[in-house]
Amino acid sequence: PEKRITFREFANVLAHFRPCGISKHNTDNNQLQNNSREEKLKFAFAMYDLNKNGYITRHEFKVILSMMLGAHITPEQLDSITDRTITEGDYERNGKISFQEFCRALESINIEELMSIRFLD
């Protein structure tokens, strides 16, 4: 079955890719920070946490990685990247990555820049 999203859903996803510092306001004039570092990390984490249980498992990571790179790498390479990524990010050594571990693994990554789309004025 074909899956579709509404324009509002599309706009909400796209909001996560605004450069940091550009805020959106709701009707109560409270700032919504979809583009803050924490919100960008939550959004990225949620893409991998397929069953929404608060953890990224080896299987979940492999599914997403396969969708992104599957046609360009061998199954052995996919397994190797998956195993290495889970091993490096699993600080608690419980076979899965929590949001806190995910954030820790990305501490030195400029996620604000990498998850920003800039348009010409």
N, C-alpha and C. Protein backbone atom coordinates (compact mmCIF):
# COMPACT_ATOMS: atom_id res chain seq x y z
N PRO A 1 0.83 -1.20 0.00
CA PRO A 1 0.00 0.00 0.00
C PRO A 1 0.87 1.26 0.00
N GLU A 2 0.41 2.22 -0.73
CA GLU A 2 1.12 3.49 -0.84
C GLU A 2 0.87 4.33 0.41
N LYS A 3 1.95 4.87 0.96
CA LYS A 3 1.82 5.72 2.15
C LYS A 3 1.98 7.17 1.73
N ARG A 4 1.14 8.01 2.28
CA ARG A 4 1.19 9.44 1.98
C ARG A 4 1.23 10.22 3.29
N ILE A 5 1.81 11.40 3.21
CA ILE A 5 1.78 12.31 4.35
C ILE A 5 1.09 13.60 3.92
N THR A 6 0.57 14.31 4.87
CA THR A 6 -0.06 15.59 4.58
C THR A 6 1.01 16.66 4.45
N PHE A 7 0.62 17.80 3.92
CA PHE A 7 1.57 18.90 3.82
C PHE A 7 2.03 19.33 5.21
N ARG A 8 1.13 19.35 6.17
CA ARG A 8 1.49 19.73 7.54
C ARG A 8 2.54 18.77 8.11
N GLU A 9 2.36 17.47 7.89
CA GLU A 9 3.34 16.49 8.35
C GLU A 9 4.69 16.72 7.68
N PHE A 10 4.66 16.99 6.38
CA PHE A 10 5.89 17.28 5.64
C PHE A 10 6.58 18.52 6.20
N ALA A 11 5.81 19.57 6.45
CA ALA A 11 6.37 20.82 6.99
C ALA A 11 6.96 20.60 8.38
N ASN A 12 6.30 19.79 9.20
CA ASN A 12 6.82 19.50 10.55
C ASN A 12 8.15 18.77 10.49
N VAL A 13 8.29 17.83 9.56
CA VAL A 13 9.57 17.13 9.39
C VAL A 13 10.62 18.10 8.89
N LEU A 14 10.28 18.89 7.89
CA LEU A 14 11.22 19.85 7.32
C LEU A 14 11.70 20.86 8.36
N ALA A 15 10.85 21.19 9.33
CA ALA A 15 11.22 22.16 10.37
C ALA A 15 12.45 21.73 11.15
N HIS A 16 12.70 20.44 11.26
CA HIS A 16 13.87 19.94 11.97
C HIS A 16 15.17 20.26 11.24
N PHE A 17 15.07 20.65 9.99
CA PHE A 17 16.25 20.92 9.18
C PHE A 17 16.53 22.41 8.99
N ARG A 18 15.79 23.25 9.71
CA ARG A 18 16.11 24.68 9.69
C ARG A 18 17.39 24.88 10.47
N PRO A 19 18.21 25.84 10.05
CA PRO A 19 19.42 26.13 10.83
C PRO A 19 19.05 26.53 12.26
N CYS A 20 19.88 26.16 13.21
CA CYS A 20 19.65 26.52 14.62
C CYS A 20 19.59 28.03 14.75
N GLY A 21 18.74 28.48 15.65
CA GLY A 21 18.62 29.92 15.88
C GLY A 21 17.44 30.52 15.15
N ILE A 22 16.89 29.80 14.19
CA ILE A 22 15.71 30.28 13.48
C ILE A 22 14.51 29.61 14.13
N SER A 23 13.72 30.38 14.83
CA SER A 23 12.64 29.81 15.63
C SER A 23 11.30 29.95 14.93
N LYS A 24 10.41 29.11 15.34
CA LYS A 24 9.03 29.15 14.89
C LYS A 24 8.20 29.45 16.13
N HIS A 25 7.10 30.14 15.99
CA HIS A 25 6.25 30.46 17.14
C HIS A 25 4.89 29.79 16.94
N ASN A 26 4.31 29.35 18.05
CA ASN A 26 2.95 28.81 17.95
C ASN A 26 1.96 29.94 18.24
N THR A 27 0.69 29.62 18.28
CA THR A 27 -0.32 30.66 18.45
C THR A 27 -0.24 31.35 19.80
N ASP A 28 0.34 30.71 20.81
CA ASP A 28 0.52 31.33 22.13
C ASP A 28 1.80 32.15 22.19
N ASN A 29 2.49 32.29 21.06
CA ASN A 29 3.74 33.04 20.97
C ASN A 29 4.87 32.40 21.79
N ASN A 30 4.77 31.11 22.07
CA ASN A 30 5.87 30.39 22.71
C ASN A 30 6.77 29.82 21.62
N GLN A 31 8.07 29.92 21.83
CA GLN A 31 8.98 29.40 20.83
C GLN A 31 8.93 27.88 20.78
N LEU A 32 8.91 27.36 19.59
CA LEU A 32 9.03 25.93 19.35
C LEU A 32 10.41 25.70 18.76
N GLN A 33 11.23 24.94 19.42
CA GLN A 33 12.60 24.76 18.98
C GLN A 33 12.80 23.42 18.29
N ASN A 34 12.10 23.19 17.17
CA ASN A 34 12.31 21.96 16.42
C ASN A 34 13.72 21.87 15.88
N ASN A 35 14.40 23.00 15.81
CA ASN A 35 15.72 23.01 15.20
C ASN A 35 16.84 23.17 16.22
N SER A 36 16.58 22.98 17.50
CA SER A 36 17.65 23.02 18.50
C SER A 36 18.47 21.74 18.38
N ARG A 37 19.65 21.73 18.94
CA ARG A 37 20.50 20.53 18.90
C ARG A 37 19.76 19.33 19.49
N GLU A 38 19.14 19.51 20.65
CA GLU A 38 18.45 18.40 21.30
C GLU A 38 17.31 17.87 20.44
N GLU A 39 16.54 18.76 19.84
CA GLU A 39 15.42 18.31 19.00
C GLU A 39 15.91 17.62 17.73
N LYS A 40 17.01 18.11 17.17
CA LYS A 40 17.60 17.44 16.00
C LYS A 40 18.06 16.03 16.38
N LEU A 41 18.68 15.90 17.55
CA LEU A 41 19.12 14.59 18.01
C LEU A 41 17.93 13.67 18.27
N LYS A 42 16.87 14.20 18.89
CA LYS A 42 15.67 13.39 19.14
C LYS A 42 15.06 12.91 17.82
N PHE A 43 15.02 13.80 16.85
CA PHE A 43 14.46 13.47 15.54
C PHE A 43 15.29 12.37 14.87
N ALA A 44 16.61 12.52 14.88
CA ALA A 44 17.49 11.52 14.27
C ALA A 44 17.37 10.18 15.00
N PHE A 45 17.34 10.22 16.32
CA PHE A 45 17.21 8.99 17.11
C PHE A 45 15.90 8.28 16.77
N ALA A 46 14.83 9.04 16.67
CA ALA A 46 13.51 8.45 16.39
C ALA A 46 13.46 7.76 15.03
N MET A 47 14.27 8.21 14.08
CA MET A 47 14.30 7.55 12.77
C MET A 47 14.83 6.13 12.88
N TYR A 48 15.74 5.89 13.82
CA TYR A 48 16.33 4.56 14.00
C TYR A 48 15.55 3.70 14.99
N ASP A 49 14.89 4.32 15.95
CA ASP A 49 14.13 3.59 16.97
C ASP A 49 12.78 3.19 16.39
N LEU A 50 12.78 2.18 15.56
CA LEU A 50 11.60 1.82 14.78
C LEU A 50 10.41 1.40 15.63
N ASN A 51 10.64 0.72 16.73
CA ASN A 51 9.52 0.29 17.57
C ASN A 51 9.21 1.28 18.69
N LYS A 52 9.91 2.40 18.70
CA LYS A 52 9.66 3.52 19.64
C LYS A 52 9.74 3.09 21.10
N ASN A 53 10.69 2.19 21.43
CA ASN A 53 10.85 1.76 22.82
C ASN A 53 11.98 2.48 23.54
N GLY A 54 12.58 3.47 22.90
CA GLY A 54 13.64 4.24 23.54
C GLY A 54 15.04 3.68 23.34
N TYR A 55 15.16 2.69 22.47
CA TYR A 55 16.46 2.08 22.18
C TYR A 55 16.60 1.79 20.70
N ILE A 56 17.83 1.85 20.21
CA ILE A 56 18.14 1.43 18.85
C ILE A 56 18.84 0.08 18.97
N THR A 57 18.23 -0.94 18.41
CA THR A 57 18.83 -2.28 18.44
C THR A 57 19.66 -2.49 17.18
N ARG A 58 20.43 -3.56 17.19
CA ARG A 58 21.23 -3.91 16.02
C ARG A 58 20.31 -4.09 14.81
N HIS A 59 19.18 -4.78 15.01
CA HIS A 59 18.24 -5.02 13.91
C HIS A 59 17.69 -3.71 13.36
N GLU A 60 17.26 -2.81 14.24
CA GLU A 60 16.71 -1.53 13.79
C GLU A 60 17.75 -0.73 13.00
N PHE A 61 18.97 -0.68 13.53
CA PHE A 61 20.02 0.06 12.85
C PHE A 61 20.29 -0.54 11.47
N LYS A 62 20.32 -1.86 11.40
CA LYS A 62 20.59 -2.54 10.13
C LYS A 62 19.48 -2.28 9.11
N VAL A 63 18.24 -2.27 9.56
CA VAL A 63 17.11 -1.99 8.66
C VAL A 63 17.26 -0.61 8.03
N ILE A 64 17.53 0.40 8.85
CA ILE A 64 17.66 1.76 8.34
C ILE A 64 18.88 1.89 7.45
N LEU A 65 20.00 1.35 7.89
CA LEU A 65 21.23 1.40 7.09
C LEU A 65 21.02 0.71 5.74
N SER A 66 20.32 -0.39 5.74
CA SER A 66 20.04 -1.10 4.50
C SER A 66 19.18 -0.25 3.56
N MET A 67 18.21 0.47 4.12
CA MET A 67 17.38 1.36 3.29
C MET A 67 18.21 2.47 2.68
N MET A 68 19.20 2.97 3.43
CA MET A 68 20.02 4.08 2.94
C MET A 68 21.12 3.63 2.00
N LEU A 69 21.75 2.49 2.29
CA LEU A 69 22.94 2.07 1.55
C LEU A 69 22.85 0.69 0.91
N GLY A 70 21.77 -0.02 1.13
CA GLY A 70 21.67 -1.42 0.74
C GLY A 70 22.11 -1.76 -0.66
N ALA A 71 21.77 -0.93 -1.63
CA ALA A 71 22.13 -1.23 -3.01
C ALA A 71 23.60 -0.97 -3.31
N HIS A 72 24.28 -0.29 -2.41
CA HIS A 72 25.66 0.12 -2.67
C HIS A 72 26.71 -0.64 -1.87
N ILE A 73 26.28 -1.50 -0.97
CA ILE A 73 27.24 -2.26 -0.16
C ILE A 73 26.82 -3.72 -0.10
N THR A 74 27.76 -4.57 0.20
CA THR A 74 27.48 -6.01 0.30
C THR A 74 26.81 -6.31 1.65
N PRO A 75 26.14 -7.44 1.76
CA PRO A 75 25.57 -7.83 3.06
C PRO A 75 26.64 -7.93 4.15
N GLU A 76 27.82 -8.37 3.79
CA GLU A 76 28.92 -8.46 4.77
C GLU A 76 29.33 -7.08 5.26
N GLN A 77 29.40 -6.12 4.34
CA GLN A 77 29.73 -4.74 4.72
C GLN A 77 28.64 -4.16 5.61
N LEU A 78 27.39 -4.45 5.28
CA LEU A 78 26.26 -3.98 6.07
C LEU A 78 26.35 -4.53 7.49
N ASP A 79 26.63 -5.81 7.62
CA ASP A 79 26.79 -6.42 8.95
C ASP A 79 27.96 -5.81 9.71
N SER A 80 29.07 -5.59 9.02
CA SER A 80 30.26 -5.04 9.66
C SER A 80 30.01 -3.62 10.17
N ILE A 81 29.40 -2.78 9.34
CA ILE A 81 29.10 -1.40 9.76
C ILE A 81 28.12 -1.41 10.92
N THR A 82 27.10 -2.26 10.84
CA THR A 82 26.11 -2.36 11.90
C THR A 82 26.75 -2.79 13.22
N ASP A 83 27.53 -3.85 13.17
CA ASP A 83 28.18 -4.36 14.39
C ASP A 83 29.10 -3.31 15.00
N ARG A 84 29.91 -2.67 14.17
CA ARG A 84 30.85 -1.68 14.67
C ARG A 84 30.13 -0.47 15.28
N THR A 85 29.08 -0.02 14.61
CA THR A 85 28.34 1.14 15.10
C THR A 85 27.67 0.84 16.44
N ILE A 86 27.00 -0.29 16.54
CA ILE A 86 26.33 -0.65 17.80
C ILE A 86 27.37 -0.84 18.91
N THR A 87 28.46 -1.50 18.61
CA THR A 87 29.51 -1.73 19.62
C THR A 87 30.09 -0.41 20.11
N GLU A 88 30.37 0.52 19.19
CA GLU A 88 30.96 1.81 19.59
C GLU A 88 29.98 2.70 20.34
N GLY A 89 28.69 2.62 20.01
CA GLY A 89 27.71 3.49 20.66
C GLY A 89 27.08 2.92 21.91
N ASP A 90 27.27 1.64 22.14
CA ASP A 90 26.64 0.96 23.28
C ASP A 90 27.56 1.03 24.50
N TYR A 91 27.56 2.18 25.16
CA TYR A 91 28.43 2.40 26.32
C TYR A 91 28.04 1.52 27.51
N GLU A 92 26.77 1.18 27.62
CA GLU A 92 26.30 0.35 28.73
C GLU A 92 26.50 -1.14 28.47
N ARG A 93 26.90 -1.49 27.27
CA ARG A 93 27.16 -2.89 26.87
C ARG A 93 25.95 -3.80 27.09
N ASN A 94 24.78 -3.30 26.67
CA ASN A 94 23.56 -4.10 26.80
C ASN A 94 22.97 -4.48 25.44
N GLY A 95 23.74 -4.25 24.38
CA GLY A 95 23.30 -4.65 23.05
C GLY A 95 22.38 -3.70 22.34
N LYS A 96 22.17 -2.52 22.90
CA LYS A 96 21.30 -1.53 22.28
C LYS A 96 21.79 -0.14 22.66
N ILE A 97 21.31 0.87 21.94
CA ILE A 97 21.74 2.25 22.17
C ILE A 97 20.56 3.07 22.67
N SER A 98 20.71 3.68 23.84
CA SER A 98 19.68 4.56 24.39
C SER A 98 19.86 5.96 23.80
N PHE A 99 18.90 6.83 24.05
CA PHE A 99 19.03 8.21 23.57
C PHE A 99 20.25 8.88 24.19
N GLN A 100 20.51 8.63 25.46
CA GLN A 100 21.67 9.22 26.13
C GLN A 100 22.97 8.74 25.48
N GLU A 101 23.04 7.47 25.16
CA GLU A 101 24.23 6.93 24.49
C GLU A 101 24.37 7.51 23.09
N PHE A 102 23.25 7.67 22.40
CA PHE A 102 23.23 8.25 21.07
C PHE A 102 23.80 9.67 21.11
N CYS A 103 23.33 10.46 22.08
CA CYS A 103 23.83 11.83 22.24
C CYS A 103 25.32 11.84 22.56
N ARG A 104 25.73 10.96 23.44
CA ARG A 104 27.15 10.87 23.82
C ARG A 104 28.02 10.52 22.60
N ALA A 105 27.55 9.60 21.78
CA ALA A 105 28.30 9.20 20.59
C ALA A 105 28.43 10.34 19.59
N LEU A 106 27.47 11.26 19.62
CA LEU A 106 27.47 12.37 18.66
C LEU A 106 27.92 13.69 19.27
N GLU A 107 28.50 13.64 20.48
CA GLU A 107 28.95 14.86 21.17
C GLU A 107 29.83 15.75 20.30
N SER A 108 30.78 15.16 19.62
CA SER A 108 31.74 15.96 18.86
C SER A 108 31.30 16.23 17.42
N ILE A 109 30.10 15.78 17.07
CA ILE A 109 29.58 15.98 15.72
C ILE A 109 28.75 17.26 15.70
N ASN A 110 28.98 18.09 14.69
CA ASN A 110 28.23 19.33 14.55
C ASN A 110 26.88 19.03 13.90
N ILE A 111 26.00 18.44 14.69
CA ILE A 111 24.70 18.02 14.19
C ILE A 111 23.86 19.23 13.76
N GLU A 112 24.09 20.36 14.41
CA GLU A 112 23.35 21.58 14.05
C GLU A 112 23.62 21.95 12.59
N GLU A 113 24.86 21.80 12.15
CA GLU A 113 25.22 22.12 10.77
C GLU A 113 24.81 21.00 9.82
N LEU A 114 25.07 19.77 10.20
CA LEU A 114 24.78 18.63 9.33
C LEU A 114 23.29 18.44 9.07
N MET A 115 22.47 18.81 10.05
CA MET A 115 21.02 18.66 9.89
C MET A 115 20.36 20.00 9.62
N SER A 116 21.01 20.82 8.81
CA SER A 116 20.44 22.12 8.44
C SER A 116 20.44 22.25 6.92
N ILE A 117 19.34 22.71 6.41
CA ILE A 117 19.22 23.01 4.98
C ILE A 117 19.18 24.52 4.87
N ARG A 118 20.09 25.06 4.10
CA ARG A 118 20.14 26.51 3.91
C ARG A 118 19.66 26.83 2.50
N PHE A 119 18.78 27.81 2.41
CA PHE A 119 18.26 28.25 1.12
C PHE A 119 18.82 29.62 0.81
N LEU A 120 18.97 29.91 -0.46
CA LEU A 120 19.45 31.23 -0.86
C LEU A 120 18.36 32.25 -0.60
N ASP A 121 18.77 33.44 -0.22
CA ASP A 121 17.78 34.52 0.02
C ASP A 121 17.35 35.14 -1.29
